Amino acid sequence: MLEKENSKIIQEITNLVNEVKSNLSSEINKSIIYVYWNIGKIIVSNENEFNNRLEYGKEV
């Protein structure tokens, strides 16, 4: 009977850890997307600020 209770406790702990790991990876992915999007935004706004850098697009 003790083994059955221990098994139940271990399963609950395992489920909790797996849930937190899943949530954590999702939050990390959101943060990475946020950072990359903002890096792109900064680059584009700086390119627009310095018009001479936009000349390369006219040739293409």
N, C-alpha and C. Protein backbone atom coordinates (compact mmCIF):
# COMPACT_ATOMS: atom_id res chain seq x y z
N MET A 1 0.82 -1.19 0.00
CA MET A 1 0.00 0.00 0.00
C MET A 1 0.87 1.26 0.00
N LEU A 2 1.96 1.22 0.71
CA LEU A 2 2.86 2.35 0.76
C LEU A 2 3.47 2.61 -0.61
N GLU A 3 3.77 1.56 -1.34
CA GLU A 3 4.30 1.70 -2.70
C GLU A 3 3.30 2.40 -3.60
N LYS A 4 2.03 2.08 -3.45
CA LYS A 4 0.98 2.69 -4.27
C LYS A 4 0.89 4.19 -3.99
N GLU A 5 0.96 4.57 -2.72
CA GLU A 5 0.90 5.99 -2.37
C GLU A 5 2.15 6.72 -2.85
N ASN A 6 3.30 6.09 -2.71
CA ASN A 6 4.54 6.69 -3.19
C ASN A 6 4.49 6.88 -4.70
N SER A 7 3.94 5.92 -5.38
CA SER A 7 3.82 6.00 -6.84
C SER A 7 2.92 7.17 -7.23
N LYS A 8 1.84 7.35 -6.50
CA LYS A 8 0.91 8.45 -6.77
C LYS A 8 1.59 9.80 -6.53
N ILE A 9 2.33 9.90 -5.44
CA ILE A 9 3.05 11.14 -5.12
C ILE A 9 4.09 11.44 -6.19
N ILE A 10 4.83 10.43 -6.60
CA ILE A 10 5.86 10.61 -7.63
C ILE A 10 5.22 11.06 -8.93
N GLN A 11 4.08 10.49 -9.28
CA GLN A 11 3.39 10.87 -10.50
C GLN A 11 2.91 12.31 -10.45
N GLU A 12 2.39 12.75 -9.31
CA GLU A 12 1.95 14.14 -9.14
C GLU A 12 3.12 15.10 -9.29
N ILE A 13 4.23 14.76 -8.67
CA ILE A 13 5.43 15.60 -8.76
C ILE A 13 5.92 15.65 -10.19
N THR A 14 5.95 14.51 -10.86
CA THR A 14 6.38 14.45 -12.25
C THR A 14 5.49 15.31 -13.14
N ASN A 15 4.19 15.22 -12.94
CA ASN A 15 3.26 16.03 -13.73
C ASN A 15 3.50 17.52 -13.49
N LEU A 16 3.72 17.89 -12.25
CA LEU A 16 3.97 19.30 -11.92
C LEU A 16 5.24 19.80 -12.59
N VAL A 17 6.31 19.03 -12.50
CA VAL A 17 7.59 19.42 -13.11
C VAL A 17 7.43 19.53 -14.62
N ASN A 18 6.75 18.58 -15.25
CA ASN A 18 6.55 18.63 -16.70
C ASN A 18 5.72 19.84 -17.12
N GLU A 19 4.72 20.19 -16.34
CA GLU A 19 3.89 21.36 -16.63
C GLU A 19 4.73 22.64 -16.56
N VAL A 20 5.54 22.75 -15.53
CA VAL A 20 6.38 23.94 -15.37
C VAL A 20 7.42 24.02 -16.49
N LYS A 21 8.00 22.89 -16.88
CA LYS A 21 8.97 22.88 -17.97
C LYS A 21 8.32 23.34 -19.27
N SER A 22 7.10 22.90 -19.51
CA SER A 22 6.39 23.30 -20.72
C SER A 22 6.10 24.80 -20.71
N ASN A 23 5.63 25.30 -19.58
CA ASN A 23 5.35 26.74 -19.46
C ASN A 23 6.62 27.56 -19.60
N LEU A 24 7.70 27.07 -19.04
CA LEU A 24 8.97 27.77 -19.10
C LEU A 24 9.48 27.88 -20.53
N SER A 25 9.41 26.79 -21.27
CA SER A 25 9.90 26.83 -22.65
C SER A 25 9.04 27.76 -23.49
N SER A 26 7.76 27.81 -23.22
CA SER A 26 6.87 28.72 -23.94
C SER A 26 7.23 30.18 -23.64
N GLU A 27 7.49 30.49 -22.38
CA GLU A 27 7.86 31.86 -22.00
C GLU A 27 9.20 32.25 -22.59
N ILE A 28 10.14 31.33 -22.62
CA ILE A 28 11.45 31.60 -23.21
C ILE A 28 11.30 31.90 -24.69
N ASN A 29 10.50 31.11 -25.39
CA ASN A 29 10.27 31.33 -26.82
C ASN A 29 9.64 32.70 -27.06
N LYS A 30 8.68 33.08 -26.24
CA LYS A 30 8.05 34.41 -26.38
C LYS A 30 9.08 35.51 -26.18
N SER A 31 9.96 35.33 -25.21
CA SER A 31 10.98 36.34 -24.93
C SER A 31 11.97 36.46 -26.09
N ILE A 32 12.36 35.34 -26.67
CA ILE A 32 13.29 35.36 -27.80
C ILE A 32 12.65 36.07 -28.99
N ILE A 33 11.39 35.77 -29.27
CA ILE A 33 10.68 36.43 -30.37
C ILE A 33 10.61 37.93 -30.11
N TYR A 34 10.30 38.33 -28.89
CA TYR A 34 10.22 39.75 -28.52
C TYR A 34 11.54 40.45 -28.77
N VAL A 35 12.64 39.82 -28.34
CA VAL A 35 13.96 40.43 -28.52
C VAL A 35 14.30 40.56 -29.99
N TYR A 36 14.12 39.50 -30.77
CA TYR A 36 14.47 39.54 -32.20
C TYR A 36 13.61 40.55 -32.95
N TRP A 37 12.33 40.63 -32.62
CA TRP A 37 11.44 41.58 -33.29
C TRP A 37 11.90 43.01 -33.01
N ASN A 38 12.26 43.28 -31.75
CA ASN A 38 12.71 44.62 -31.39
C ASN A 38 14.07 44.95 -31.99
N ILE A 39 14.94 43.95 -32.12
CA ILE A 39 16.22 44.19 -32.80
C ILE A 39 15.96 44.60 -34.24
N GLY A 40 15.07 43.89 -34.92
CA GLY A 40 14.71 44.25 -36.29
C GLY A 40 14.11 45.65 -36.38
N LYS A 41 13.28 45.99 -35.43
CA LYS A 41 12.65 47.32 -35.39
C LYS A 41 13.71 48.40 -35.24
N ILE A 42 14.69 48.19 -34.37
CA ILE A 42 15.76 49.16 -34.16
C ILE A 42 16.58 49.31 -35.44
N ILE A 43 16.91 48.19 -36.08
CA ILE A 43 17.71 48.24 -37.31
C ILE A 43 16.97 49.02 -38.39
N VAL A 44 15.70 48.72 -38.60
CA VAL A 44 14.93 49.39 -39.64
C VAL A 44 14.78 50.87 -39.34
N SER A 45 14.53 51.22 -38.09
CA SER A 45 14.37 52.65 -37.77
C SER A 45 15.69 53.39 -37.96
N ASN A 46 16.81 52.74 -37.67
CA ASN A 46 18.11 53.39 -37.89
C ASN A 46 18.41 53.51 -39.39
N GLU A 47 18.01 52.53 -40.18
CA GLU A 47 18.21 52.62 -41.62
C GLU A 47 17.39 53.75 -42.21
N ASN A 48 16.19 53.92 -41.72
CA ASN A 48 15.34 55.01 -42.20
C ASN A 48 15.89 56.37 -41.77
N GLU A 49 16.54 56.39 -40.64
CA GLU A 49 17.10 57.63 -40.13
C GLU A 49 18.29 58.09 -40.98
N PHE A 50 19.06 57.15 -41.47
CA PHE A 50 20.21 57.45 -42.31
C PHE A 50 19.88 57.06 -43.74
N ASN A 51 19.25 57.97 -44.45
CA ASN A 51 18.73 57.69 -45.79
C ASN A 51 19.77 57.17 -46.76
N ASN A 52 21.01 57.54 -46.61
CA ASN A 52 22.02 57.09 -47.54
C ASN A 52 22.19 55.57 -47.51
N ARG A 53 21.82 54.93 -46.43
CA ARG A 53 21.92 53.48 -46.37
C ARG A 53 20.79 52.81 -47.14
N LEU A 54 19.74 53.54 -47.46
CA LEU A 54 18.62 52.97 -48.20
C LEU A 54 18.89 52.92 -49.71
N GLU A 55 19.97 53.52 -50.16
CA GLU A 55 20.30 53.55 -51.57
C GLU A 55 20.52 52.16 -52.16
N TYR A 56 21.02 51.22 -51.35
CA TYR A 56 21.31 49.90 -51.89
C TYR A 56 20.05 49.21 -52.42
N GLY A 57 18.90 49.54 -51.90
CA GLY A 57 17.66 48.90 -52.33
C GLY A 57 17.22 49.34 -53.71
N LYS A 58 17.62 50.50 -54.15
CA LYS A 58 17.23 51.01 -55.46
C LYS A 58 17.88 50.21 -56.59
N GLU A 59 19.08 49.70 -56.33
CA GLU A 59 19.78 48.92 -57.34
C GLU A 59 19.17 47.55 -57.54
N VAL A 60 18.56 47.02 -56.52
CA VAL A 60 17.98 45.68 -56.58
C VAL A 60 16.68 45.78 -57.27
